[in-house]
Amino acid sequence: MNAGGERSNGEPVKGPDTPLLEHAALDRLREWGGDALLGRMLSLFLELGPQRVETLIQALSDGDLEVLERTAHSLKSSSGNVGAVRLSAQAAELEAVARTARQGGSREGLTELVATIGRSWEETAEVLGRALPPEADPE
């Protein structure tokens, strides 16, 4: 499984056994840029996440499959960057279903996927909020 919540063949990881976080992703961010990079990445993710979830809800309500697909793609990527593999996998699934629906396929499952992502966001945000490093002392 990679940091984007995908198997090596590119398929999203699904199911209740998908871990909430891949802690190795957080460790990589810390290795690349210390607590400063980790803190910036997590802060940005936590700041923008609620807006992305709200956009998903609004796009679903409006029937705007293009916005739904684009926002799911964005959430998939940003979640993968911070190791939120369960949320990334769910967003990947939503992106695929929205793309299929845009191409005339079934819209079945969209409502449940958006609701699942909303619940996962809350859980993920709580855990990542605790992972924020303390602010570095000014030197």
C-alpha atoms as a PDB file:
ATOM      1  CA  MET A   1       0.000   0.000   0.000  1.00  0.00           C
ATOM      2  CA  ASN A   2       1.321   3.459  -0.809  1.00  0.00           C
ATOM      3  CA  ALA A   3       0.745   6.778   0.964  1.00  0.00           C
ATOM      4  CA  GLY A   4      -2.116   7.555  -1.436  1.00  0.00           C
ATOM      5  CA  GLY A   5      -4.229   4.750  -0.024  1.00  0.00           C
ATOM      6  CA  GLU A   6      -3.765   2.606  -3.101  1.00  0.00           C
ATOM      7  CA  ARG A   7      -2.488  -0.894  -3.673  1.00  0.00           C
ATOM      8  CA  SER A   8       0.583  -1.230  -5.877  1.00  0.00           C
ATOM      9  CA  ASN A   9      -1.735  -1.875  -8.835  1.00  0.00           C
ATOM     10  CA  GLY A  10      -3.381   1.539  -8.325  1.00  0.00           C
ATOM     11  CA  GLU A  11      -6.656   0.250  -6.872  1.00  0.00           C
ATOM     12  CA  PRO A  12      -7.915   2.039  -3.755  1.00  0.00           C
ATOM     13  CA  VAL A  13      -7.737   0.161  -0.492  1.00  0.00           C
ATOM     14  CA  LYS A  14     -11.256  -0.332   0.824  1.00  0.00           C
ATOM     15  CA  GLY A  15     -12.894  -1.867   3.799  1.00  0.00           C
ATOM     16  CA  PRO A  16     -12.927  -1.575   7.560  1.00  0.00           C
ATOM     17  CA  ASP A  17      -9.433  -3.048   7.812  1.00  0.00           C
ATOM     18  CA  THR A  18      -7.931  -0.003   6.117  1.00  0.00           C
ATOM     19  CA  PRO A  19      -5.902   1.771   8.784  1.00  0.00           C
ATOM     20  CA  LEU A  20      -6.847   5.319   9.679  1.00  0.00           C
ATOM     21  CA  LEU A  21      -3.269   6.550   9.347  1.00  0.00           C
ATOM     22  CA  GLU A  22      -0.015   5.444   7.865  1.00  0.00           C
ATOM     23  CA  HIS A  23       2.356   6.791  10.488  1.00  0.00           C
ATOM     24  CA  ALA A  24       5.310   6.294   8.144  1.00  0.00           C
ATOM     25  CA  ALA A  25       3.987   9.201   6.045  1.00  0.00           C
ATOM     26  CA  LEU A  26       4.179  11.498   9.055  1.00  0.00           C
ATOM     27  CA  ASP A  27       7.685  10.220   9.772  1.00  0.00           C
ATOM     28  CA  ARG A  28       8.709  10.948   6.152  1.00  0.00           C
ATOM     29  CA  LEU A  29       7.427  14.515   6.386  1.00  0.00           C
ATOM     30  CA  ARG A  30       9.402  14.984   9.597  1.00  0.00           C
ATOM     31  CA  GLU A  31      12.533  13.505   7.967  1.00  0.00           C
ATOM     32  CA  TRP A  32      12.205  15.787   4.929  1.00  0.00           C
ATOM     33  CA  GLY A  33      11.566  19.044   6.768  1.00  0.00           C
ATOM     34  CA  GLY A  34      11.506  18.490  10.497  1.00  0.00           C
ATOM     35  CA  ASP A  35       8.664  19.519  12.747  1.00  0.00           C
ATOM     36  CA  ALA A  36       8.253  22.739  10.753  1.00  0.00           C
ATOM     37  CA  LEU A  37       7.220  20.927   7.558  1.00  0.00           C
ATOM     38  CA  LEU A  38       5.125  18.389   9.427  1.00  0.00           C
ATOM     39  CA  GLY A  39       3.347  21.160  11.296  1.00  0.00           C
ATOM     40  CA  ARG A  40       2.675  23.194   8.127  1.00  0.00           C
ATOM     41  CA  MET A  41       1.355  20.173   6.213  1.00  0.00           C
ATOM     42  CA  LEU A  42      -0.918  19.023   9.023  1.00  0.00           C
ATOM     43  CA  SER A  43      -2.145  22.551   9.770  1.00  0.00           C
ATOM     44  CA  LEU A  44      -3.009  23.163   6.129  1.00  0.00           C
ATOM     45  CA  PHE A  45      -4.745  19.789   5.860  1.00  0.00           C
ATOM     46  CA  LEU A  46      -6.764  20.430   9.021  1.00  0.00           C
ATOM     47  CA  GLU A  47      -7.632  23.961   7.887  1.00  0.00           C
ATOM     48  CA  LEU A  48      -8.817  23.019   4.388  1.00  0.00           C
ATOM     49  CA  GLY A  49     -10.457  19.684   5.213  1.00  0.00           C
ATOM     50  CA  PRO A  50     -13.780  20.976   6.559  1.00  0.00           C
ATOM     51  CA  GLN A  51     -14.193  23.159   3.462  1.00  0.00           C
ATOM     52  CA  ARG A  52     -13.538  20.170   1.189  1.00  0.00           C
ATOM     53  CA  VAL A  53     -16.065  18.023   3.045  1.00  0.00           C
ATOM     54  CA  GLU A  54     -18.632  20.831   2.865  1.00  0.00           C
ATOM     55  CA  THR A  55     -17.960  21.200  -0.864  1.00  0.00           C
ATOM     56  CA  LEU A  56     -18.609  17.469  -1.313  1.00  0.00           C
ATOM     57  CA  ILE A  57     -21.915  17.768   0.540  1.00  0.00           C
ATOM     58  CA  GLN A  58     -22.959  20.831  -1.467  1.00  0.00           C
ATOM     59  CA  ALA A  59     -21.914  19.306  -4.806  1.00  0.00           C
ATOM     60  CA  LEU A  60     -23.899  16.163  -4.003  1.00  0.00           C
ATOM     61  CA  SER A  61     -26.922  18.291  -3.072  1.00  0.00           C
ATOM     62  CA  ASP A  62     -26.561  20.322  -6.282  1.00  0.00           C
ATOM     63  CA  GLY A  63     -26.004  17.233  -8.421  1.00  0.00           C
ATOM     64  CA  ASP A  64     -22.691  18.744  -9.590  1.00  0.00           C
ATOM     65  CA  LEU A  65     -20.737  15.599 -10.411  1.00  0.00           C
ATOM     66  CA  GLU A  66     -17.777  17.508 -11.842  1.00  0.00           C
ATOM     67  CA  VAL A  67     -17.193  19.410  -8.581  1.00  0.00           C
ATOM     68  CA  LEU A  68     -17.801  16.206  -6.632  1.00  0.00           C
ATOM     69  CA  GLU A  69     -15.169  14.356  -8.657  1.00  0.00           C
ATOM     70  CA  ARG A  70     -12.619  17.202  -8.513  1.00  0.00           C
ATOM     71  CA  THR A  71     -13.046  17.736  -4.773  1.00  0.00           C
ATOM     72  CA  ALA A  72     -12.805  14.015  -4.073  1.00  0.00           C
ATOM     73  CA  HIS A  73      -9.576  13.945  -6.112  1.00  0.00           C
ATOM     74  CA  SER A  74      -8.166  16.846  -4.106  1.00  0.00           C
ATOM     75  CA  LEU A  75      -9.129  15.230  -0.805  1.00  0.00           C
ATOM     76  CA  LYS A  76      -7.634  11.917  -1.945  1.00  0.00           C
ATOM     77  CA  SER A  77      -4.308  13.572  -2.709  1.00  0.00           C
ATOM     78  CA  SER A  78      -4.076  15.753   0.374  1.00  0.00           C
ATOM     79  CA  SER A  79      -5.093  12.852   2.617  1.00  0.00           C
ATOM     80  CA  GLY A  80      -2.431  10.659   1.084  1.00  0.00           C
ATOM     81  CA  ASN A  81       0.192  13.344   1.639  1.00  0.00           C
ATOM     82  CA  VAL A  82      -0.369  13.282   5.400  1.00  0.00           C
ATOM     83  CA  GLY A  83      -0.856   9.514   5.654  1.00  0.00           C
ATOM     84  CA  ALA A  84      -4.645   9.554   6.140  1.00  0.00           C
ATOM     85  CA  VAL A  85      -4.989   6.365   4.105  1.00  0.00           C
ATOM     86  CA  ARG A  86      -8.563   5.467   5.038  1.00  0.00           C
ATOM     87  CA  LEU A  87      -9.840   8.909   4.067  1.00  0.00           C
ATOM     88  CA  SER A  88      -7.713   8.851   0.913  1.00  0.00           C
ATOM     89  CA  ALA A  89      -9.132   5.452  -0.098  1.00  0.00           C
ATOM     90  CA  GLN A  90     -12.701   6.622   0.506  1.00  0.00           C
ATOM     91  CA  ALA A  91     -12.085   9.786  -1.512  1.00  0.00           C
ATOM     92  CA  ALA A  92     -10.582   7.688  -4.324  1.00  0.00           C
ATOM     93  CA  GLU A  93     -13.703   5.546  -4.363  1.00  0.00           C
ATOM     94  CA  LEU A  94     -15.935   8.631  -4.437  1.00  0.00           C
ATOM     95  CA  GLU A  95     -13.858  10.099  -7.248  1.00  0.00           C
ATOM     96  CA  ALA A  96     -14.294   6.909  -9.304  1.00  0.00           C
ATOM     97  CA  VAL A  97     -18.046   6.664  -8.669  1.00  0.00           C
ATOM     98  CA  ALA A  98     -18.528  10.360  -9.505  1.00  0.00           C
ATOM     99  CA  ARG A  99     -16.516   9.931 -12.722  1.00  0.00           C
ATOM    100  CA  THR A 100     -18.627   6.925 -13.708  1.00  0.00           C
ATOM    101  CA  ALA A 101     -21.818   8.850 -12.940  1.00  0.00           C
ATOM    102  CA  ARG A 102     -20.579  11.798 -15.036  1.00  0.00           C
ATOM    103  CA  GLN A 103     -20.127   9.388 -17.931  1.00  0.00           C
ATOM    104  CA  GLY A 104     -23.738   8.275 -17.649  1.00  0.00           C
ATOM    105  CA  GLY A 105     -23.257   5.479 -15.152  1.00  0.00           C
ATOM    106  CA  SER A 106     -25.016   4.872 -11.893  1.00  0.00           C
ATOM    107  CA  ARG A 107     -25.051   7.445  -9.120  1.00  0.00           C
ATOM    108  CA  GLU A 108     -25.672   4.680  -6.604  1.00  0.00           C
ATOM    109  CA  GLY A 109     -23.511   4.973  -3.537  1.00  0.00           C
ATOM    110  CA  LEU A 110     -22.656   8.661  -3.822  1.00  0.00           C
ATOM    111  CA  THR A 111     -24.728   9.711  -0.817  1.00  0.00           C
ATOM    112  CA  GLU A 112     -23.307   7.002   1.432  1.00  0.00           C
ATOM    113  CA  LEU A 113     -19.735   7.687   0.291  1.00  0.00           C
ATOM    114  CA  VAL A 114     -20.043  11.391   1.074  1.00  0.00           C
ATOM    115  CA  ALA A 115     -21.522  10.584   4.500  1.00  0.00           C
ATOM    116  CA  THR A 116     -18.740   8.069   5.174  1.00  0.00           C
ATOM    117  CA  ILE A 117     -16.105  10.631   4.223  1.00  0.00           C
ATOM    118  CA  GLY A 118     -17.704  13.143   6.594  1.00  0.00           C
ATOM    119  CA  ARG A 119     -17.446  10.672   9.462  1.00  0.00           C
ATOM    120  CA  SER A 120     -13.896   9.689   8.540  1.00  0.00           C
ATOM    121  CA  TRP A 121     -12.887  13.327   8.325  1.00  0.00           C
ATOM    122  CA  GLU A 122     -13.943  13.906  11.932  1.00  0.00           C
ATOM    123  CA  GLU A 123     -11.999  10.893  13.178  1.00  0.00           C
ATOM    124  CA  THR A 124      -8.944  11.700  11.070  1.00  0.00           C
ATOM    125  CA  ALA A 125      -8.891  15.367  12.089  1.00  0.00           C
ATOM    126  CA  GLU A 126      -9.023  14.424  15.751  1.00  0.00           C
ATOM    127  CA  VAL A 127      -6.064  12.058  15.460  1.00  0.00           C
ATOM    128  CA  LEU A 128      -3.980  14.353  13.247  1.00  0.00           C
ATOM    129  CA  GLY A 129      -4.709  17.305  15.519  1.00  0.00           C
ATOM    130  CA  ARG A 130      -2.995  15.385  18.308  1.00  0.00           C
ATOM    131  CA  ALA A 131      -0.046  14.668  15.981  1.00  0.00           C
ATOM    132  CA  LEU A 132       0.700  18.367  15.422  1.00  0.00           C
ATOM    133  CA  PRO A 133       4.200  19.059  16.697  1.00  0.00           C
ATOM    134  CA  PRO A 134       4.620  21.788  19.300  1.00  0.00           C
ATOM    135  CA  GLU A 135       5.608  25.090  17.765  1.00  0.00           C
ATOM    136  CA  ALA A 136       9.344  25.476  17.462  1.00  0.00           C
ATOM    137  CA  ASP A 137      10.936  27.948  19.811  1.00  0.00           C
ATOM    138  CA  PRO A 138      12.131  31.071  18.009  1.00  0.00           C
ATOM    139  CA  GLU A 139      15.904  31.250  17.859  1.00  0.00           C
END
